[in-house]
Amino acid sequence: MDQETIWAALEIERHGLADLLGSLPEEDWERPSLCAGWRVRDVAAHLAIATRVSLLWGLVEFVRARGDFDRMIRDSAVRHARLPIGEIVEQVRESAGSHRRAPSTKPLDPLFDALVHGQDIAVPLGIDRAMPLEAARACATHIWERGFPFHPQRRLRGLRLVATDVDWAVGAGDVVEGPIQALLLLLSGRPAALPGLSGVGTAALTARLP
């Protein structure tokens, strides 16, 4: 995907996420998401922050979290989640056409965030939210080739991942196959990917996921 196509796909995803969030009853905002220890509300707040960060913001938050990256991301989301639901939804919608992104990230990173966090919200609520195939494939390649923070090549060493709905395969070893949507969740370390996957390599996955 070229950069223009990436931004267009991200804008569509963000509008869709705002529509999804705006349709949820208030009680669903307090339900657990796929992210351990995160409510749907916290994930939504994290998405709302995405285009509002700066290098200075990141440095302040990193110091506040005592150098713990995961804690920084979670704590900033939880604080932002104190805003009213309507304001969070509006911020996600307002961010749709923005090309701003966190320092040191590439355009595919916010697209990946939107795709995967959309599943973090939808899956535990029993909502079917399909990922666009080309966007999911591009993000899967990007995350596979990038180390931090998921380190998929190290974590999934000895496995060959094969998509069944789009031309995409990486790795070498026992086969794990399934829709690119499930494989993208796997690359990001989410156990919710497992029901959508098959192949002899799946037996090794449980021990490799958090």
C-alpha atoms as a PDB file:
ATOM      1  CA  MET A   1       0.000   0.000   0.000  1.00  0.00           C
ATOM      2  CA  ASP A   2       1.318   3.452  -0.838  1.00  0.00           C
ATOM      3  CA  GLN A   3       1.101   6.224   1.733  1.00  0.00           C
ATOM      4  CA  GLU A   4      -1.984   7.841   0.204  1.00  0.00           C
ATOM      5  CA  THR A   5      -3.840   4.513   0.266  1.00  0.00           C
ATOM      6  CA  ILE A   6      -2.808   3.921   3.873  1.00  0.00           C
ATOM      7  CA  TRP A   7      -4.172   7.288   5.015  1.00  0.00           C
ATOM      8  CA  ALA A   8      -7.414   6.707   3.108  1.00  0.00           C
ATOM      9  CA  ALA A   9      -7.854   3.288   4.732  1.00  0.00           C
ATOM     10  CA  LEU A  10      -7.132   4.767   8.157  1.00  0.00           C
ATOM     11  CA  GLU A  11      -9.729   7.490   7.683  1.00  0.00           C
ATOM     12  CA  ILE A  12     -12.366   4.889   6.820  1.00  0.00           C
ATOM     13  CA  GLU A  13     -11.407   2.773   9.849  1.00  0.00           C
ATOM     14  CA  ARG A  14     -11.571   5.702  12.246  1.00  0.00           C
ATOM     15  CA  HIS A  15     -14.971   6.795  10.989  1.00  0.00           C
ATOM     16  CA  GLY A  16     -16.164   3.207  11.401  1.00  0.00           C
ATOM     17  CA  LEU A  17     -14.778   3.038  14.923  1.00  0.00           C
ATOM     18  CA  ALA A  18     -16.511   6.286  15.855  1.00  0.00           C
ATOM     19  CA  ASP A  19     -19.778   4.890  14.495  1.00  0.00           C
ATOM     20  CA  LEU A  20     -19.280   1.664  16.449  1.00  0.00           C
ATOM     21  CA  LEU A  21     -18.444   3.455  19.688  1.00  0.00           C
ATOM     22  CA  GLY A  22     -21.341   5.848  19.265  1.00  0.00           C
ATOM     23  CA  SER A  23     -23.737   2.919  18.920  1.00  0.00           C
ATOM     24  CA  LEU A  24     -22.699   1.161  22.145  1.00  0.00           C
ATOM     25  CA  PRO A  25     -24.885   1.341  25.239  1.00  0.00           C
ATOM     26  CA  GLU A  26     -23.138   2.893  28.210  1.00  0.00           C
ATOM     27  CA  GLU A  27     -22.763  -0.427  30.027  1.00  0.00           C
ATOM     28  CA  ASP A  28     -20.694  -1.846  27.151  1.00  0.00           C
ATOM     29  CA  TRP A  29     -18.110   0.876  27.687  1.00  0.00           C
ATOM     30  CA  GLU A  30     -17.309  -0.621  31.086  1.00  0.00           C
ATOM     31  CA  ARG A  31     -16.914  -4.200  29.832  1.00  0.00           C
ATOM     32  CA  PRO A  32     -13.470  -5.821  29.517  1.00  0.00           C
ATOM     33  CA  SER A  33     -11.775  -5.536  26.135  1.00  0.00           C
ATOM     34  CA  LEU A  34      -9.389  -8.071  24.608  1.00  0.00           C
ATOM     35  CA  CYS A  35      -6.529  -6.136  26.247  1.00  0.00           C
ATOM     36  CA  ALA A  36      -5.964  -7.549  29.722  1.00  0.00           C
ATOM     37  CA  GLY A  37      -6.923  -4.982  32.345  1.00  0.00           C
ATOM     38  CA  TRP A  38      -8.401  -2.574  29.788  1.00  0.00           C
ATOM     39  CA  ARG A  39     -12.079  -1.695  29.547  1.00  0.00           C
ATOM     40  CA  VAL A  40     -13.689  -0.884  26.215  1.00  0.00           C
ATOM     41  CA  ARG A  41     -13.674   2.688  27.488  1.00  0.00           C
ATOM     42  CA  ASP A  42      -9.892   2.638  27.938  1.00  0.00           C
ATOM     43  CA  VAL A  43      -9.304   1.301  24.421  1.00  0.00           C
ATOM     44  CA  ALA A  44     -11.585   3.987  22.996  1.00  0.00           C
ATOM     45  CA  ALA A  45      -9.685   6.646  24.940  1.00  0.00           C
ATOM     46  CA  HIS A  46      -6.376   5.298  23.623  1.00  0.00           C
ATOM     47  CA  LEU A  47      -7.708   5.662  20.083  1.00  0.00           C
ATOM     48  CA  ALA A  48      -8.849   9.203  20.861  1.00  0.00           C
ATOM     49  CA  ILE A  49      -5.354  10.166  22.046  1.00  0.00           C
ATOM     50  CA  ALA A  50      -3.668   8.906  18.875  1.00  0.00           C
ATOM     51  CA  THR A  51      -3.468  12.210  17.004  1.00  0.00           C
ATOM     52  CA  ARG A  52      -3.003  14.354  20.096  1.00  0.00           C
ATOM     53  CA  VAL A  53       0.427  13.125  21.157  1.00  0.00           C
ATOM     54  CA  SER A  54       3.749  14.905  20.770  1.00  0.00           C
ATOM     55  CA  LEU A  55       7.361  14.181  21.605  1.00  0.00           C
ATOM     56  CA  LEU A  56       7.083  16.273  24.764  1.00  0.00           C
ATOM     57  CA  TRP A  57       3.876  14.444  25.754  1.00  0.00           C
ATOM     58  CA  GLY A  58       5.634  11.115  25.265  1.00  0.00           C
ATOM     59  CA  LEU A  59       8.615  12.131  27.370  1.00  0.00           C
ATOM     60  CA  VAL A  60       6.406  13.383  30.206  1.00  0.00           C
ATOM     61  CA  GLU A  61       4.272  10.233  30.153  1.00  0.00           C
ATOM     62  CA  PHE A  62       7.342   7.976  29.985  1.00  0.00           C
ATOM     63  CA  VAL A  63       8.852   9.625  33.046  1.00  0.00           C
ATOM     64  CA  ARG A  64       5.512   9.463  34.849  1.00  0.00           C
ATOM     65  CA  ALA A  65       5.399   5.716  34.123  1.00  0.00           C
ATOM     66  CA  ARG A  66       8.980   5.332  35.438  1.00  0.00           C
ATOM     67  CA  GLY A  67      10.286   4.113  32.109  1.00  0.00           C
ATOM     68  CA  ASP A  68       7.691   1.366  31.640  1.00  0.00           C
ATOM     69  CA  PHE A  69       6.339   1.660  28.070  1.00  0.00           C
ATOM     70  CA  ASP A  70       3.307  -0.603  28.603  1.00  0.00           C
ATOM     71  CA  ARG A  71       2.402   1.232  31.781  1.00  0.00           C
ATOM     72  CA  MET A  72       2.746   4.564  29.991  1.00  0.00           C
ATOM     73  CA  ILE A  73       0.287   3.509  27.284  1.00  0.00           C
ATOM     74  CA  ARG A  74      -2.209   2.070  29.746  1.00  0.00           C
ATOM     75  CA  ASP A  75      -2.078   4.892  32.302  1.00  0.00           C
ATOM     76  CA  SER A  76      -2.480   7.603  29.671  1.00  0.00           C
ATOM     77  CA  ALA A  77      -5.513   5.787  28.266  1.00  0.00           C
ATOM     78  CA  VAL A  78      -7.109   5.325  31.683  1.00  0.00           C
ATOM     79  CA  ARG A  79      -6.688   9.010  32.479  1.00  0.00           C
ATOM     80  CA  HIS A  80      -8.154  10.057  29.131  1.00  0.00           C
ATOM     81  CA  ALA A  81     -11.037   7.621  29.663  1.00  0.00           C
ATOM     82  CA  ARG A  82     -12.350   9.891  32.431  1.00  0.00           C
ATOM     83  CA  LEU A  83     -13.773  12.150  29.724  1.00  0.00           C
ATOM     84  CA  PRO A  84     -17.491  11.825  28.917  1.00  0.00           C
ATOM     85  CA  ILE A  85     -18.338   9.099  26.417  1.00  0.00           C
ATOM     86  CA  GLY A  86     -19.646  11.563  23.861  1.00  0.00           C
ATOM     87  CA  GLU A  87     -16.421  13.539  23.949  1.00  0.00           C
ATOM     88  CA  ILE A  88     -14.296  10.427  23.408  1.00  0.00           C
ATOM     89  CA  VAL A  89     -16.443   9.407  20.434  1.00  0.00           C
ATOM     90  CA  GLU A  90     -16.175  12.885  18.940  1.00  0.00           C
ATOM     91  CA  GLN A  91     -12.395  12.900  19.357  1.00  0.00           C
ATOM     92  CA  VAL A  92     -12.102   9.571  17.533  1.00  0.00           C
ATOM     93  CA  ARG A  93     -14.277  10.951  14.731  1.00  0.00           C
ATOM     94  CA  GLU A  94     -12.310  14.207  14.564  1.00  0.00           C
ATOM     95  CA  SER A  95      -9.074  12.236  14.241  1.00  0.00           C
ATOM     96  CA  ALA A  96     -10.265  10.368  11.143  1.00  0.00           C
ATOM     97  CA  GLY A  97      -8.559  12.521   8.540  1.00  0.00           C
ATOM     98  CA  SER A  98      -5.510  13.424  10.616  1.00  0.00           C
ATOM     99  CA  HIS A  99      -2.057  12.372   9.442  1.00  0.00           C
ATOM    100  CA  ARG A 100      -0.442  13.057  12.806  1.00  0.00           C
ATOM    101  CA  ARG A 101       1.158  10.089  14.471  1.00  0.00           C
ATOM    102  CA  ALA A 102       3.331   9.317  17.458  1.00  0.00           C
ATOM    103  CA  PRO A 103       7.058  10.100  17.162  1.00  0.00           C
ATOM    104  CA  SER A 104       9.160   7.312  15.572  1.00  0.00           C
ATOM    105  CA  THR A 105       6.108   5.577  14.072  1.00  0.00           C
ATOM    106  CA  LYS A 106       5.229   5.012  10.401  1.00  0.00           C
ATOM    107  CA  PRO A 107       1.854   5.509   8.659  1.00  0.00           C
ATOM    108  CA  LEU A 108       1.054   1.792   8.948  1.00  0.00           C
ATOM    109  CA  ASP A 109       1.317   1.957  12.742  1.00  0.00           C
ATOM    110  CA  PRO A 110      -1.869   3.994  13.340  1.00  0.00           C
ATOM    111  CA  LEU A 111      -3.673   1.857  10.750  1.00  0.00           C
ATOM    112  CA  PHE A 112      -2.570  -1.264  12.617  1.00  0.00           C
ATOM    113  CA  ASP A 113      -3.768   0.302  15.878  1.00  0.00           C
ATOM    114  CA  ALA A 114      -7.174   1.089  14.421  1.00  0.00           C
ATOM    115  CA  LEU A 115      -7.613  -2.407  12.975  1.00  0.00           C
ATOM    116  CA  VAL A 116      -6.526  -4.327  16.056  1.00  0.00           C
ATOM    117  CA  HIS A 117      -8.111  -2.067  18.665  1.00  0.00           C
ATOM    118  CA  GLY A 118     -11.338  -2.304  16.704  1.00  0.00           C
ATOM    119  CA  GLN A 119     -11.223  -6.045  17.409  1.00  0.00           C
ATOM    120  CA  ASP A 120     -10.288  -5.397  21.044  1.00  0.00           C
ATOM    121  CA  ILE A 121     -13.622  -3.601  21.332  1.00  0.00           C
ATOM    122  CA  ALA A 122     -15.815  -5.681  19.035  1.00  0.00           C
ATOM    123  CA  VAL A 123     -14.843  -9.284  19.822  1.00  0.00           C
ATOM    124  CA  PRO A 124     -15.701  -9.343  23.557  1.00  0.00           C
ATOM    125  CA  LEU A 125     -18.995  -7.609  22.777  1.00  0.00           C
ATOM    126  CA  GLY A 126     -19.908 -10.288  20.232  1.00  0.00           C
ATOM    127  CA  ILE A 127     -19.776  -7.817  17.339  1.00  0.00           C
ATOM    128  CA  ASP A 128     -18.508  -9.019  13.958  1.00  0.00           C
ATOM    129  CA  ARG A 129     -16.149  -6.356  12.601  1.00  0.00           C
ATOM    130  CA  ALA A 130     -14.339  -7.423   9.448  1.00  0.00           C
ATOM    131  CA  MET A 131     -10.919  -6.034   8.618  1.00  0.00           C
ATOM    132  CA  PRO A 132     -10.270  -4.844   5.039  1.00  0.00           C
ATOM    133  CA  LEU A 133      -8.059  -7.546   3.531  1.00  0.00           C
ATOM    134  CA  GLU A 134      -5.437  -5.346   1.878  1.00  0.00           C
ATOM    135  CA  ALA A 135      -5.061  -3.132   4.937  1.00  0.00           C
ATOM    136  CA  ALA A 136      -4.758  -6.167   7.218  1.00  0.00           C
ATOM    137  CA  ARG A 137      -2.177  -7.770   4.927  1.00  0.00           C
ATOM    138  CA  ALA A 138      -0.047  -4.621   4.785  1.00  0.00           C
ATOM    139  CA  CYS A 139      -0.174  -4.279   8.568  1.00  0.00           C
ATOM    140  CA  ALA A 140       0.673  -7.951   9.072  1.00  0.00           C
ATOM    141  CA  THR A 141       3.814  -7.581   6.961  1.00  0.00           C
ATOM    142  CA  HIS A 142       4.742  -4.375   8.788  1.00  0.00           C
ATOM    143  CA  ILE A 143       4.341  -5.901  12.249  1.00  0.00           C
ATOM    144  CA  TRP A 144       6.174  -9.086  11.236  1.00  0.00           C
ATOM    145  CA  GLU A 145       9.160  -7.058  10.052  1.00  0.00           C
ATOM    146  CA  ARG A 146       9.158  -4.743  13.059  1.00  0.00           C
ATOM    147  CA  GLY A 147      10.573  -5.933  16.370  1.00  0.00           C
ATOM    148  CA  PHE A 148       9.275  -3.741  19.181  1.00  0.00           C
ATOM    149  CA  PRO A 149       6.852  -4.096  20.875  1.00  0.00           C
ATOM    150  CA  PHE A 150       5.524  -7.512  19.761  1.00  0.00           C
ATOM    151  CA  HIS A 151       8.697  -9.276  18.506  1.00  0.00           C
ATOM    152  CA  PRO A 152       6.683 -11.766  16.403  1.00  0.00           C
ATOM    153  CA  GLN A 153       9.650 -13.337  14.609  1.00  0.00           C
ATOM    154  CA  ARG A 154      11.195 -14.265  17.938  1.00  0.00           C
ATOM    155  CA  ARG A 155       7.939 -15.316  19.605  1.00  0.00           C
ATOM    156  CA  LEU A 156       6.692 -17.332  16.620  1.00  0.00           C
ATOM    157  CA  ARG A 157      10.015 -18.879  15.593  1.00  0.00           C
ATOM    158  CA  GLY A 158       9.592 -22.329  14.011  1.00  0.00           C
ATOM    159  CA  LEU A 159       6.137 -21.573  12.630  1.00  0.00           C
ATOM    160  CA  ARG A 160       4.933 -20.685   9.141  1.00  0.00           C
ATOM    161  CA  LEU A 161       1.940 -18.367   9.096  1.00  0.00           C
ATOM    162  CA  VAL A 162      -0.303 -18.663   6.038  1.00  0.00           C
ATOM    163  CA  ALA A 163      -3.374 -16.560   5.291  1.00  0.00           C
ATOM    164  CA  THR A 164      -6.322 -18.405   3.768  1.00  0.00           C
ATOM    165  CA  ASP A 165      -8.170 -15.382   2.384  1.00  0.00           C
ATOM    166  CA  VAL A 166      -5.351 -13.303   0.884  1.00  0.00           C
ATOM    167  CA  ASP A 167      -1.895 -14.000  -0.561  1.00  0.00           C
ATOM    168  CA  TRP A 168       0.324 -13.722   2.514  1.00  0.00           C
ATOM    169  CA  ALA A 169       2.744 -16.076   4.251  1.00  0.00           C
ATOM    170  CA  VAL A 170       5.781 -15.617   6.498  1.00  0.00           C
ATOM    171  CA  GLY A 171       8.082 -17.742   8.615  1.00  0.00           C
ATOM    172  CA  ALA A 172       9.306 -21.309   8.288  1.00  0.00           C
ATOM    173  CA  GLY A 173       8.224 -24.446  10.124  1.00  0.00           C
ATOM    174  CA  ASP A 174       4.934 -25.963  11.251  1.00  0.00           C
ATOM    175  CA  VAL A 175       1.995 -24.323   9.518  1.00  0.00           C
ATOM    176  CA  VAL A 176      -0.505 -22.062  11.251  1.00  0.00           C
ATOM    177  CA  GLU A 177      -3.195 -20.893   8.871  1.00  0.00           C
ATOM    178  CA  GLY A 178      -6.324 -18.804   8.990  1.00  0.00           C
ATOM    179  CA  PRO A 179      -7.857 -15.507   7.877  1.00  0.00           C
ATOM    180  CA  ILE A 180      -5.447 -12.566   7.781  1.00  0.00           C
ATOM    181  CA  GLN A 181      -7.575 -10.923  10.479  1.00  0.00           C
ATOM    182  CA  ALA A 182      -6.832 -13.763  12.906  1.00  0.00           C
ATOM    183  CA  LEU A 183      -3.156 -13.787  11.942  1.00  0.00           C
ATOM    184  CA  LEU A 184      -2.853 -10.059  12.611  1.00  0.00           C
ATOM    185  CA  LEU A 185      -4.301 -10.607  16.080  1.00  0.00           C
ATOM    186  CA  LEU A 186      -1.798 -13.435  16.564  1.00  0.00           C
ATOM    187  CA  LEU A 187       1.102 -11.203  15.538  1.00  0.00           C
ATOM    188  CA  SER A 188      -0.005  -8.688  18.165  1.00  0.00           C
ATOM    189  CA  GLY A 189      -0.060 -11.386  20.850  1.00  0.00           C
ATOM    190  CA  ARG A 190      -3.815 -11.716  21.325  1.00  0.00           C
ATOM    191  CA  PRO A 191      -5.070 -15.190  22.375  1.00  0.00           C
ATOM    192  CA  ALA A 192      -8.455 -14.316  20.828  1.00  0.00           C
ATOM    193  CA  ALA A 193      -6.820 -15.224  17.509  1.00  0.00           C
ATOM    194  CA  LEU A 194      -6.654 -18.937  18.370  1.00  0.00           C
ATOM    195  CA  PRO A 195     -10.236 -20.014  17.501  1.00  0.00           C
ATOM    196  CA  GLY A 196      -9.756 -18.723  13.953  1.00  0.00           C
ATOM    197  CA  LEU A 197      -6.524 -20.630  13.314  1.00  0.00           C
ATOM    198  CA  SER A 198      -5.721 -24.204  12.308  1.00  0.00           C
ATOM    199  CA  GLY A 199      -2.752 -26.337  11.302  1.00  0.00           C
ATOM    200  CA  VAL A 200      -0.184 -28.475  13.082  1.00  0.00           C
ATOM    201  CA  GLY A 201       1.577 -25.395  14.419  1.00  0.00           C
ATOM    202  CA  THR A 202      -1.376 -24.262  16.513  1.00  0.00           C
ATOM    203  CA  ALA A 203      -0.466 -26.690  19.300  1.00  0.00           C
ATOM    204  CA  ALA A 204       2.580 -24.569  20.084  1.00  0.00           C
ATOM    205  CA  LEU A 205       0.737 -21.260  20.187  1.00  0.00           C
ATOM    206  CA  THR A 206      -0.890 -21.374  23.609  1.00  0.00           C
ATOM    207  CA  ALA A 207       2.459 -21.310  25.388  1.00  0.00           C
ATOM    208  CA  ARG A 208       3.660 -18.413  23.245  1.00  0.00           C
ATOM    209  CA  LEU A 209       0.786 -16.035  23.873  1.00  0.00           C
ATOM    210  CA  PRO A 210       0.360 -13.963  27.056  1.00  0.00           C
END
